[in-house]
């Protein structure tokens, strides 16, 4: 019996991320908004924020962390800031940066936290925005019109290791792991990438490719 596709995943290369940051920076420059500082949403916003600082010639980069918690059976999950901002943004033009805008909960929580701190202007930017969001970003490099999981290089080990842990029955070797990742998630990993996932994801050594 063929294994079903569990979820379509798009793994971006580092070059694709840089290209997306390039496109995002150009959209910001084409607007009338001129940020003075960047607030990255940890953890996904760190790398895009750093590239934007480089492309937009900005020297001030700080961060907050937004996490999701259960908010009761009738309310689902609630997003809130758990690591506060360690900078004064009063009177500043602030750009909030994350990697992907899915439900919109993260950006909404970030805005709700930052706006009372008194910035002169506050805008949000993401690499990719899904059409299902309820809180659109002010700037994005592109829209995800057909839903899929966007997998960024900085989350590859964490996410793929979890995909492997959830496989039932567990894969027996590297070849089977690679095949099932391709069938179930559309992921075509190299042996080097799988080695990195197994080693840093602390998966069983039996899943390591032959060297």
N, C-alpha and C. Protein backbone atom coordinates (compact mmCIF):
# COMPACT_ATOMS: atom_id res chain seq x y z
N UNK A 1 0.84 -1.20 0.00
CA UNK A 1 0.00 0.00 0.00
C UNK A 1 0.87 1.25 0.00
N UNK A 2 0.60 2.17 -0.92
CA UNK A 2 1.41 3.38 -1.02
C UNK A 2 1.17 4.28 0.17
N UNK A 3 2.24 4.95 0.61
CA UNK A 3 2.10 5.87 1.73
C UNK A 3 1.45 7.17 1.25
N UNK A 4 0.58 7.74 2.07
CA UNK A 4 -0.10 8.97 1.67
C UNK A 4 0.81 10.18 1.83
N UNK A 5 0.52 11.23 1.06
CA UNK A 5 1.21 12.49 1.27
C UNK A 5 0.62 13.14 2.52
N UNK A 6 1.45 13.36 3.52
CA UNK A 6 0.98 13.93 4.77
C UNK A 6 0.87 15.45 4.66
N UNK A 7 1.87 16.08 4.08
CA UNK A 7 1.90 17.53 4.00
C UNK A 7 2.92 17.94 2.96
N UNK A 8 2.55 18.85 2.11
CA UNK A 8 3.48 19.37 1.12
C UNK A 8 4.42 20.36 1.77
N UNK A 9 5.72 20.12 1.65
CA UNK A 9 6.73 20.97 2.27
C UNK A 9 7.65 21.53 1.18
N UNK A 10 7.91 22.81 1.25
CA UNK A 10 8.85 23.46 0.33
C UNK A 10 10.09 23.89 1.11
N UNK A 11 11.21 23.22 0.86
CA UNK A 11 12.47 23.55 1.51
C UNK A 11 13.19 24.60 0.68
N UNK A 12 13.41 25.77 1.26
CA UNK A 12 14.10 26.85 0.56
C UNK A 12 15.61 26.73 0.75
N UNK A 13 16.33 27.05 -0.28
CA UNK A 13 17.79 27.08 -0.21
C UNK A 13 18.23 28.43 0.37
N UNK A 14 19.45 28.52 0.88
CA UNK A 14 19.95 29.82 1.35
C UNK A 14 19.88 30.89 0.27
N UNK A 15 20.19 30.54 -0.98
CA UNK A 15 20.13 31.53 -2.06
C UNK A 15 18.70 32.02 -2.28
N UNK A 16 17.72 31.14 -2.16
CA UNK A 16 16.32 31.56 -2.32
C UNK A 16 15.90 32.50 -1.20
N UNK A 17 16.42 32.28 -0.01
CA UNK A 17 16.13 33.18 1.10
C UNK A 17 16.71 34.56 0.84
N UNK A 18 17.96 34.62 0.38
CA UNK A 18 18.58 35.90 0.06
C UNK A 18 17.80 36.63 -1.02
N UNK A 19 17.37 35.90 -2.05
CA UNK A 19 16.58 36.50 -3.11
C UNK A 19 15.27 37.07 -2.57
N UNK A 20 14.63 36.35 -1.65
CA UNK A 20 13.38 36.82 -1.06
C UNK A 20 13.62 38.08 -0.23
N UNK A 21 14.73 38.11 0.51
CA UNK A 21 15.07 39.30 1.30
C UNK A 21 15.36 40.49 0.38
N UNK A 22 16.00 40.21 -0.73
CA UNK A 22 16.28 41.25 -1.73
C UNK A 22 14.97 41.84 -2.25
N UNK A 23 14.03 40.97 -2.61
CA UNK A 23 12.74 41.45 -3.12
C UNK A 23 11.98 42.23 -2.05
N UNK A 24 12.04 41.75 -0.82
CA UNK A 24 11.35 42.42 0.27
C UNK A 24 11.94 43.81 0.52
N UNK A 25 13.26 43.90 0.54
CA UNK A 25 13.91 45.19 0.75
C UNK A 25 13.54 46.18 -0.35
N UNK A 26 13.46 45.72 -1.58
CA UNK A 26 13.10 46.61 -2.69
C UNK A 26 11.67 47.11 -2.57
N UNK A 27 10.77 46.27 -2.06
CA UNK A 27 9.39 46.71 -1.86
C UNK A 27 9.30 47.77 -0.76
N UNK A 28 10.11 47.60 0.27
CA UNK A 28 10.13 48.60 1.34
C UNK A 28 10.70 49.92 0.81
N UNK A 29 11.78 49.86 0.03
CA UNK A 29 12.36 51.06 -0.54
C UNK A 29 11.41 51.76 -1.50
N UNK A 30 10.59 50.99 -2.18
CA UNK A 30 9.63 51.58 -3.13
C UNK A 30 8.48 52.29 -2.43
N UNK A 31 8.31 52.04 -1.15
CA UNK A 31 7.26 52.70 -0.38
C UNK A 31 7.79 54.01 0.20
N UNK A 32 6.93 54.71 0.91
CA UNK A 32 7.36 55.95 1.56
C UNK A 32 7.87 55.71 2.98
N UNK A 33 7.84 54.46 3.42
CA UNK A 33 8.27 54.15 4.77
C UNK A 33 9.78 54.01 4.82
N UNK A 34 10.41 54.70 5.75
CA UNK A 34 11.86 54.64 5.91
C UNK A 34 12.17 54.25 7.37
N UNK A 35 12.34 52.96 7.63
CA UNK A 35 12.58 52.52 9.01
C UNK A 35 13.92 53.01 9.54
N UNK A 36 13.95 53.20 10.86
CA UNK A 36 15.18 53.58 11.55
C UNK A 36 15.76 52.41 12.34
N UNK A 37 14.92 51.44 12.65
CA UNK A 37 15.37 50.27 13.41
C UNK A 37 14.50 49.07 13.07
N UNK A 38 15.06 47.89 13.29
CA UNK A 38 14.37 46.64 12.98
C UNK A 38 14.17 45.84 14.26
N UNK A 39 12.97 45.29 14.41
CA UNK A 39 12.67 44.38 15.51
C UNK A 39 12.39 43.01 14.91
N UNK A 40 13.27 42.05 15.17
CA UNK A 40 13.07 40.69 14.67
C UNK A 40 12.16 39.93 15.62
N UNK A 41 11.27 39.13 15.05
CA UNK A 41 10.44 38.24 15.85
C UNK A 41 11.18 36.91 15.96
N UNK A 42 11.63 36.59 17.17
CA UNK A 42 12.38 35.35 17.38
C UNK A 42 11.45 34.15 17.30
N UNK A 43 11.94 33.04 16.65
CA UNK A 43 13.29 32.92 16.14
C UNK A 43 13.34 33.08 14.62
N UNK A 44 12.21 32.89 13.97
CA UNK A 44 12.21 32.87 12.52
C UNK A 44 12.60 34.17 11.86
N UNK A 45 12.43 35.29 12.56
CA UNK A 45 12.72 36.57 11.95
C UNK A 45 14.16 37.02 12.02
N UNK A 46 15.02 36.27 12.73
CA UNK A 46 16.39 36.72 12.92
C UNK A 46 17.15 36.89 11.61
N UNK A 47 17.20 35.85 10.77
CA UNK A 47 17.99 35.93 9.55
C UNK A 47 17.40 36.93 8.55
N UNK A 48 16.09 36.92 8.28
CA UNK A 48 15.56 37.95 7.37
C UNK A 48 15.83 39.36 7.89
N UNK A 49 15.71 39.56 9.20
CA UNK A 49 15.95 40.89 9.77
C UNK A 49 17.39 41.34 9.54
N UNK A 50 18.33 40.41 9.69
CA UNK A 50 19.74 40.77 9.49
C UNK A 50 20.02 41.14 8.04
N UNK A 51 19.44 40.38 7.11
CA UNK A 51 19.63 40.73 5.70
C UNK A 51 19.00 42.09 5.39
N UNK A 52 17.83 42.36 5.94
CA UNK A 52 17.18 43.64 5.69
C UNK A 52 18.00 44.79 6.26
N UNK A 53 18.61 44.59 7.43
CA UNK A 53 19.49 45.62 7.97
C UNK A 53 20.62 45.92 7.00
N UNK A 54 21.16 44.89 6.38
CA UNK A 54 22.25 45.06 5.42
C UNK A 54 21.76 45.79 4.17
N UNK A 55 20.65 45.32 3.61
CA UNK A 55 20.15 45.89 2.36
C UNK A 55 19.61 47.31 2.54
N UNK A 56 19.04 47.60 3.71
CA UNK A 56 18.45 48.92 3.96
C UNK A 56 19.39 49.85 4.72
N UNK A 57 20.61 49.39 4.99
CA UNK A 57 21.64 50.19 5.66
C UNK A 57 21.16 50.66 7.03
N UNK A 58 20.69 49.71 7.82
CA UNK A 58 20.19 50.00 9.16
C UNK A 58 21.13 49.38 10.20
N UNK A 59 21.46 50.14 11.23
CA UNK A 59 22.41 49.67 12.21
C UNK A 59 21.79 49.16 13.50
N UNK A 60 20.50 49.39 13.70
CA UNK A 60 19.88 49.00 14.96
C UNK A 60 18.95 47.81 14.76
N UNK A 61 19.31 46.69 15.38
CA UNK A 61 18.52 45.47 15.30
C UNK A 61 18.29 44.94 16.72
N UNK A 62 17.03 44.74 17.07
CA UNK A 62 16.68 44.16 18.36
C UNK A 62 15.60 43.11 18.13
N UNK A 63 15.07 42.53 19.20
CA UNK A 63 14.14 41.42 18.99
C UNK A 63 13.15 41.28 20.13
N UNK A 64 12.07 40.56 19.83
CA UNK A 64 11.11 40.07 20.81
C UNK A 64 10.86 38.61 20.46
N UNK A 65 10.27 37.88 21.42
CA UNK A 65 9.86 36.52 21.11
C UNK A 65 8.37 36.39 21.34
N UNK A 66 7.69 35.77 20.37
CA UNK A 66 6.26 35.51 20.46
C UNK A 66 6.06 34.00 20.49
N UNK A 67 5.31 33.52 21.47
CA UNK A 67 5.01 32.10 21.57
C UNK A 67 3.51 31.88 21.66
N UNK A 68 3.10 30.68 21.26
CA UNK A 68 1.69 30.31 21.27
C UNK A 68 1.40 29.38 22.44
N UNK A 69 0.32 29.67 23.13
CA UNK A 69 -0.09 28.88 24.28
C UNK A 69 -1.57 28.50 24.15
N UNK A 70 -1.93 27.36 24.74
CA UNK A 70 -3.33 26.96 24.77
C UNK A 70 -4.12 27.99 25.55
N UNK A 71 -5.28 28.37 25.00
CA UNK A 71 -6.11 29.40 25.64
C UNK A 71 -7.51 28.87 25.93
N UNK A 72 -7.62 27.58 26.18
CA UNK A 72 -8.93 27.01 26.46
C UNK A 72 -9.51 26.34 25.23
N UNK A 73 -10.35 25.35 25.46
CA UNK A 73 -10.89 24.55 24.35
C UNK A 73 -11.67 25.38 23.36
N UNK A 74 -12.35 26.41 23.82
CA UNK A 74 -13.18 27.21 22.93
C UNK A 74 -12.40 28.31 22.23
N UNK A 75 -11.19 28.62 22.73
CA UNK A 75 -10.43 29.74 22.19
C UNK A 75 -9.23 29.31 21.35
N UNK A 76 -8.86 28.03 21.40
CA UNK A 76 -7.71 27.58 20.64
C UNK A 76 -6.42 28.03 21.28
N UNK A 77 -5.47 28.51 20.46
CA UNK A 77 -4.15 28.90 20.97
C UNK A 77 -3.99 30.41 20.89
N UNK A 78 -3.34 30.95 21.89
CA UNK A 78 -3.14 32.39 22.00
C UNK A 78 -1.67 32.72 21.84
N UNK A 79 -1.38 33.75 21.04
CA UNK A 79 0.00 34.20 20.85
C UNK A 79 0.26 35.39 21.75
N UNK A 80 1.42 35.38 22.41
CA UNK A 80 1.79 36.53 23.24
C UNK A 80 3.31 36.64 23.32
N UNK A 81 3.76 37.84 23.60
CA UNK A 81 5.20 38.12 23.72
C UNK A 81 5.70 37.54 25.03
N UNK A 82 6.74 36.70 24.96
CA UNK A 82 7.30 36.08 26.16
C UNK A 82 8.71 36.58 26.48
N UNK A 83 9.40 37.14 25.50
CA UNK A 83 10.68 37.80 25.75
C UNK A 83 10.53 39.24 25.26
N UNK A 84 10.57 40.21 26.18
CA UNK A 84 10.26 41.60 25.81
C UNK A 84 11.38 42.29 25.06
N UNK A 85 11.06 43.45 24.57
CA UNK A 85 12.02 44.26 23.83
C UNK A 85 13.00 44.92 24.79
N UNK A 86 14.27 44.84 24.48
CA UNK A 86 15.30 45.46 25.31
C UNK A 86 15.84 46.72 24.65
N UNK A 87 14.95 47.55 24.14
CA UNK A 87 15.35 48.78 23.47
C UNK A 87 14.22 49.80 23.59
N UNK A 88 14.57 51.06 23.46
CA UNK A 88 13.59 52.14 23.50
C UNK A 88 13.20 52.49 22.07
N UNK A 89 11.92 52.32 21.74
CA UNK A 89 11.48 52.61 20.37
C UNK A 89 10.60 53.86 20.31
N UNK A 90 10.53 54.61 21.39
CA UNK A 90 9.70 55.82 21.40
C UNK A 90 10.15 56.80 20.32
N UNK A 91 9.19 57.20 19.49
CA UNK A 91 9.47 58.18 18.45
C UNK A 91 10.21 57.64 17.25
N UNK A 92 10.46 56.35 17.20
CA UNK A 92 11.24 55.77 16.09
C UNK A 92 10.32 55.15 15.04
N UNK A 93 10.84 55.07 13.83
CA UNK A 93 10.16 54.35 12.75
C UNK A 93 10.66 52.91 12.79
N UNK A 94 9.76 51.98 13.09
CA UNK A 94 10.14 50.60 13.42
C UNK A 94 9.61 49.62 12.37
N UNK A 95 10.47 48.72 11.95
CA UNK A 95 10.08 47.64 11.04
C UNK A 95 10.15 46.32 11.80
N UNK A 96 9.03 45.63 11.92
CA UNK A 96 8.95 44.33 12.59
C UNK A 96 9.09 43.24 11.52
N UNK A 97 9.98 42.28 11.73
CA UNK A 97 10.30 41.30 10.69
C UNK A 97 10.13 39.87 11.20
N UNK A 98 9.44 39.05 10.40
CA UNK A 98 9.32 37.61 10.66
C UNK A 98 9.52 36.87 9.35
N UNK A 99 9.65 35.54 9.43
CA UNK A 99 9.87 34.80 8.19
C UNK A 99 8.57 34.56 7.42
N UNK A 100 7.55 33.99 8.09
CA UNK A 100 6.31 33.67 7.40
C UNK A 100 5.13 34.16 8.21
N UNK A 101 4.11 34.64 7.53
CA UNK A 101 2.88 35.07 8.17
C UNK A 101 1.79 34.07 7.80
N UNK A 102 1.48 33.21 8.75
CA UNK A 102 0.51 32.14 8.50
C UNK A 102 -0.88 32.58 8.96
N UNK A 103 -1.21 32.35 10.22
CA UNK A 103 -2.53 32.73 10.73
C UNK A 103 -2.64 34.23 10.96
N UNK A 104 -1.52 34.90 11.20
CA UNK A 104 -1.54 36.31 11.54
C UNK A 104 -1.45 36.56 13.04
N UNK A 105 -1.55 35.51 13.84
CA UNK A 105 -1.55 35.66 15.30
C UNK A 105 -0.24 36.26 15.82
N UNK A 106 0.88 35.84 15.23
CA UNK A 106 2.17 36.33 15.69
C UNK A 106 2.33 37.83 15.44
N UNK A 107 2.01 38.27 14.23
CA UNK A 107 2.13 39.70 13.92
C UNK A 107 1.16 40.52 14.75
N UNK A 108 -0.04 39.99 14.96
CA UNK A 108 -1.02 40.72 15.78
C UNK A 108 -0.52 40.89 17.21
N UNK A 109 0.08 39.83 17.77
CA UNK A 109 0.61 39.91 19.12
C UNK A 109 1.78 40.89 19.19
N UNK A 110 2.62 40.87 18.16
CA UNK A 110 3.77 41.78 18.13
C UNK A 110 3.32 43.23 18.07
N UNK A 111 2.35 43.52 17.21
CA UNK A 111 1.84 44.88 17.08
C UNK A 111 1.19 45.35 18.39
N UNK A 112 0.39 44.49 18.99
CA UNK A 112 -0.30 44.85 20.23
C UNK A 112 0.68 45.16 21.35
N UNK A 113 1.81 44.48 21.33
CA UNK A 113 2.83 44.71 22.35
C UNK A 113 3.64 45.98 22.06
N UNK A 114 4.02 46.19 20.80
CA UNK A 114 4.94 47.26 20.45
C UNK A 114 4.27 48.64 20.33
N UNK A 115 3.05 48.68 19.84
CA UNK A 115 2.40 49.98 19.61
C UNK A 115 2.30 50.84 20.87
N UNK A 116 1.96 50.27 22.05
CA UNK A 116 1.91 51.10 23.26
C UNK A 116 3.27 51.63 23.71
N UNK A 117 4.37 51.14 23.12
CA UNK A 117 5.70 51.61 23.49
C UNK A 117 6.06 52.92 22.81
N UNK A 118 5.17 53.42 21.95
CA UNK A 118 5.32 54.76 21.42
C UNK A 118 6.14 54.97 20.18
N UNK A 119 6.22 54.00 19.25
CA UNK A 119 6.96 54.29 18.02
C UNK A 119 6.24 55.35 17.18
N UNK A 120 7.01 56.11 16.42
CA UNK A 120 6.41 57.09 15.53
C UNK A 120 5.63 56.40 14.42
N UNK A 121 6.20 55.34 13.89
CA UNK A 121 5.54 54.50 12.87
C UNK A 121 5.94 53.06 13.13
N UNK A 122 5.03 52.15 12.80
CA UNK A 122 5.29 50.72 12.98
C UNK A 122 4.77 49.98 11.77
N UNK A 123 5.66 49.26 11.09
CA UNK A 123 5.26 48.47 9.93
C UNK A 123 5.77 47.04 10.12
N UNK A 124 5.13 46.10 9.44
CA UNK A 124 5.52 44.69 9.53
C UNK A 124 5.94 44.17 8.17
N UNK A 125 6.90 43.24 8.18
CA UNK A 125 7.41 42.67 6.93
C UNK A 125 7.71 41.19 7.12
N UNK A 126 7.38 40.39 6.13
CA UNK A 126 7.65 38.95 6.16
C UNK A 126 8.16 38.51 4.79
N UNK A 127 8.85 37.38 4.78
CA UNK A 127 9.28 36.84 3.49
C UNK A 127 8.10 36.28 2.72
N UNK A 128 7.27 35.51 3.40
CA UNK A 128 6.14 34.87 2.73
C UNK A 128 4.86 35.05 3.54
N UNK A 129 3.79 35.35 2.82
CA UNK A 129 2.49 35.54 3.47
C UNK A 129 1.47 34.59 2.86
N UNK A 130 0.78 33.86 3.74
CA UNK A 130 -0.25 32.94 3.28
C UNK A 130 -1.59 33.63 3.22
N UNK A 131 -2.40 33.25 2.24
CA UNK A 131 -3.67 33.92 2.03
C UNK A 131 -4.64 33.72 3.18
N UNK A 132 -4.39 32.73 4.04
CA UNK A 132 -5.29 32.45 5.16
C UNK A 132 -5.08 33.40 6.33
N UNK A 133 -4.07 34.27 6.27
CA UNK A 133 -3.78 35.13 7.40
C UNK A 133 -4.93 36.08 7.71
N UNK A 134 -5.09 36.37 8.98
CA UNK A 134 -6.12 37.33 9.41
C UNK A 134 -5.49 38.67 9.79
N UNK A 135 -4.17 38.77 9.63
CA UNK A 135 -3.47 40.02 9.95
C UNK A 135 -2.36 40.22 8.92
N UNK A 136 -2.68 40.74 7.75
CA UNK A 136 -1.69 40.87 6.69
C UNK A 136 -0.52 41.77 7.09
N UNK A 137 0.66 41.40 6.62
CA UNK A 137 1.84 42.24 6.84
C UNK A 137 1.79 43.44 5.90
N UNK A 138 2.50 44.49 6.27
CA UNK A 138 2.58 45.66 5.41
C UNK A 138 3.42 45.39 4.17
N UNK A 139 4.44 44.54 4.33
CA UNK A 139 5.32 44.19 3.22
C UNK A 139 5.58 42.69 3.22
N UNK A 140 5.62 42.09 2.03
CA UNK A 140 6.01 40.69 1.90
C UNK A 140 6.73 40.50 0.57
N UNK A 141 7.60 39.49 0.54
CA UNK A 141 8.32 39.20 -0.69
C UNK A 141 7.44 38.41 -1.66
N UNK A 142 6.48 37.67 -1.12
CA UNK A 142 5.61 36.88 -1.99
C UNK A 142 4.46 36.27 -1.22
N UNK A 143 3.39 35.93 -1.94
CA UNK A 143 2.23 35.29 -1.35
C UNK A 143 2.26 33.79 -1.61
N UNK A 144 1.82 33.02 -0.64
CA UNK A 144 1.67 31.58 -0.79
C UNK A 144 0.20 31.32 -1.09
N UNK A 145 -0.13 31.16 -2.37
CA UNK A 145 -1.53 31.03 -2.77
C UNK A 145 -2.06 29.61 -2.57
N UNK A 146 -1.21 28.62 -2.79
CA UNK A 146 -1.60 27.23 -2.54
C UNK A 146 -0.87 26.77 -1.28
N UNK A 147 -1.62 26.44 -0.24
CA UNK A 147 -1.02 26.21 1.08
C UNK A 147 0.05 25.12 1.02
N UNK A 148 1.14 25.39 1.67
CA UNK A 148 2.21 24.41 1.88
C UNK A 148 3.04 24.89 3.05
N UNK A 149 3.79 23.97 3.63
CA UNK A 149 4.68 24.31 4.72
C UNK A 149 5.96 24.87 4.14
N UNK A 150 6.30 26.11 4.50
CA UNK A 150 7.54 26.70 4.05
C UNK A 150 8.63 26.35 5.05
N UNK A 151 9.63 25.65 4.59
CA UNK A 151 10.72 25.21 5.47
C UNK A 151 11.97 26.01 5.15
N UNK A 152 12.40 26.83 6.10
CA UNK A 152 13.57 27.69 5.92
C UNK A 152 14.83 26.96 6.37
N UNK A 153 15.99 27.34 5.84
CA UNK A 153 17.24 26.64 6.20
C UNK A 153 17.50 26.63 7.69
N UNK A 154 17.09 27.68 8.40
CA UNK A 154 17.38 27.76 9.84
C UNK A 154 16.46 26.87 10.67
N UNK A 155 15.48 26.21 10.06
CA UNK A 155 14.58 25.32 10.80
C UNK A 155 14.62 23.89 10.26
N UNK A 156 15.56 23.62 9.35
CA UNK A 156 15.57 22.33 8.68
C UNK A 156 15.76 21.16 9.64
N UNK A 157 16.74 21.24 10.52
CA UNK A 157 17.00 20.14 11.45
C UNK A 157 15.80 19.93 12.37
N UNK A 158 15.33 21.00 12.96
CA UNK A 158 14.21 20.90 13.92
C UNK A 158 12.97 20.29 13.27
N UNK A 159 12.58 20.81 12.11
CA UNK A 159 11.33 20.37 11.50
C UNK A 159 11.42 18.96 10.91
N UNK A 160 12.50 18.70 10.16
CA UNK A 160 12.60 17.39 9.51
C UNK A 160 12.82 16.29 10.54
N UNK A 161 13.58 16.56 11.58
CA UNK A 161 13.76 15.56 12.64
C UNK A 161 12.41 15.20 13.26
N UNK A 162 11.55 16.20 13.41
CA UNK A 162 10.22 15.92 13.96
C UNK A 162 9.39 15.10 12.98
N UNK A 163 9.49 15.38 11.69
CA UNK A 163 8.78 14.57 10.69
C UNK A 163 9.20 13.10 10.83
N UNK A 164 10.50 12.87 10.98
CA UNK A 164 11.01 11.50 11.07
C UNK A 164 10.52 10.83 12.36
N UNK A 165 10.53 11.55 13.46
CA UNK A 165 10.07 10.97 14.73
C UNK A 165 8.60 10.55 14.66
N UNK A 166 7.82 11.25 13.85
CA UNK A 166 6.39 10.96 13.78
C UNK A 166 6.06 9.84 12.80
N UNK A 167 7.05 9.33 12.08
CA UNK A 167 6.80 8.25 11.14
C UNK A 167 6.45 6.96 11.88
N UNK A 168 5.40 6.32 11.44
CA UNK A 168 4.98 5.05 12.05
C UNK A 168 4.64 4.05 10.94
N UNK A 169 5.35 2.92 10.93
CA UNK A 169 6.46 2.55 11.83
C UNK A 169 7.70 3.38 11.56
N UNK A 170 8.63 3.38 12.50
CA UNK A 170 9.85 4.16 12.36
C UNK A 170 10.68 3.62 11.19
N UNK A 171 11.33 4.50 10.44
CA UNK A 171 12.18 4.04 9.34
C UNK A 171 13.36 3.23 9.88
N UNK A 172 13.83 2.29 9.06
CA UNK A 172 14.88 1.37 9.51
C UNK A 172 16.28 1.77 9.09
N UNK A 173 16.38 2.62 8.08
CA UNK A 173 17.70 3.01 7.58
C UNK A 173 17.59 4.33 6.82
N UNK A 174 18.73 4.81 6.33
CA UNK A 174 18.76 6.10 5.64
C UNK A 174 17.97 6.06 4.34
N UNK A 175 18.10 4.99 3.60
CA UNK A 175 17.39 4.89 2.32
C UNK A 175 15.89 4.98 2.52
N UNK A 176 15.38 4.27 3.50
CA UNK A 176 13.94 4.31 3.76
C UNK A 176 13.51 5.70 4.25
N UNK A 177 14.34 6.33 5.06
CA UNK A 177 14.03 7.67 5.55
C UNK A 177 13.92 8.67 4.41
N UNK A 178 14.89 8.63 3.50
CA UNK A 178 14.87 9.53 2.35
C UNK A 178 13.64 9.29 1.48
N UNK A 179 13.30 8.00 1.27
CA UNK A 179 12.14 7.68 0.42
C UNK A 179 10.85 8.19 1.05
N UNK A 180 10.69 7.98 2.34
CA UNK A 180 9.44 8.38 2.99
C UNK A 180 9.32 9.89 3.13
N UNK A 181 10.43 10.59 3.30
CA UNK A 181 10.38 12.05 3.30
C UNK A 181 9.95 12.58 1.94
N UNK A 182 10.40 11.89 0.88
CA UNK A 182 10.01 12.32 -0.47
C UNK A 182 8.53 12.03 -0.74
N UNK A 183 8.08 10.84 -0.37
CA UNK A 183 6.70 10.45 -0.63
C UNK A 183 5.70 11.22 0.23
N UNK A 184 6.00 11.34 1.50
CA UNK A 184 5.04 11.93 2.44
C UNK A 184 5.07 13.45 2.49
N UNK A 185 6.25 14.04 2.19
CA UNK A 185 6.37 15.48 2.34
C UNK A 185 6.88 16.19 1.08
N UNK A 186 7.24 15.43 0.06
CA UNK A 186 7.77 16.05 -1.14
C UNK A 186 9.18 16.58 -0.95
N UNK A 187 9.88 16.10 0.07
CA UNK A 187 11.23 16.57 0.37
C UNK A 187 12.26 15.66 -0.26
N UNK A 188 13.17 16.22 -1.03
CA UNK A 188 14.25 15.45 -1.62
C UNK A 188 15.56 15.93 -1.01
N UNK A 189 15.99 15.22 0.02
CA UNK A 189 17.20 15.59 0.73
C UNK A 189 18.42 14.90 0.15
N UNK A 190 19.55 15.56 0.25
CA UNK A 190 20.82 14.92 -0.08
C UNK A 190 21.28 14.12 1.13
N UNK A 191 22.28 13.27 0.91
CA UNK A 191 22.84 12.50 2.02
C UNK A 191 23.46 13.43 3.07
N UNK A 192 24.07 14.50 2.59
CA UNK A 192 24.68 15.47 3.52
C UNK A 192 23.60 16.11 4.40
N UNK A 193 22.49 16.49 3.79
CA UNK A 193 21.40 17.10 4.56
C UNK A 193 20.81 16.11 5.56
N UNK A 194 20.62 14.87 5.15
CA UNK A 194 20.07 13.87 6.07
C UNK A 194 21.04 13.61 7.21
N UNK A 195 22.33 13.55 6.92
CA UNK A 195 23.32 13.36 7.98
C UNK A 195 23.21 14.47 9.01
N UNK A 196 23.05 15.69 8.55
CA UNK A 196 22.94 16.83 9.46
C UNK A 196 21.68 16.71 10.33
N UNK A 197 20.57 16.31 9.72
CA UNK A 197 19.31 16.17 10.46
C UNK A 197 19.43 15.07 11.51
N UNK A 198 20.02 13.93 11.12
CA UNK A 198 20.15 12.80 12.06
C UNK A 198 21.08 13.16 13.20
N UNK A 199 22.22 13.77 12.88
CA UNK A 199 23.23 14.07 13.90
C UNK A 199 22.73 15.13 14.88
N UNK A 200 22.33 16.28 14.35
CA UNK A 200 21.93 17.38 15.24
C UNK A 200 20.51 17.20 15.78
N UNK A 201 19.70 16.41 15.07
CA UNK A 201 18.35 16.13 15.57
C UNK A 201 18.32 14.97 16.56
N UNK A 202 19.51 14.38 16.81
CA UNK A 202 19.65 13.30 17.78
C UNK A 202 18.72 12.12 17.46
N UNK A 203 18.70 11.78 16.17
CA UNK A 203 17.95 10.60 15.73
C UNK A 203 18.85 9.38 15.81
N UNK A 204 18.30 8.18 15.73
CA UNK A 204 19.12 6.96 15.83
C UNK A 204 20.21 6.91 14.75
N UNK A 205 21.39 6.46 15.13
CA UNK A 205 22.53 6.38 14.20
C UNK A 205 22.26 5.48 13.01
N UNK A 206 21.32 4.55 13.15
CA UNK A 206 21.00 3.63 12.06
C UNK A 206 20.46 4.38 10.85
N UNK A 207 19.99 5.61 11.05
CA UNK A 207 19.44 6.42 9.96
C UNK A 207 20.51 7.22 9.22
N UNK A 208 21.76 7.16 9.69
CA UNK A 208 22.83 7.88 9.02
C UNK A 208 23.15 7.22 7.68
N UNK A 209 23.31 8.01 6.63
CA UNK A 209 23.70 7.44 5.33
C UNK A 209 25.09 6.82 5.40
N UNK A 210 25.35 5.85 4.54
CA UNK A 210 26.68 5.26 4.45
C UNK A 210 27.66 6.29 3.91
N UNK A 211 28.84 6.31 4.48
CA UNK A 211 29.85 7.28 4.03
C UNK A 211 30.95 6.57 3.25
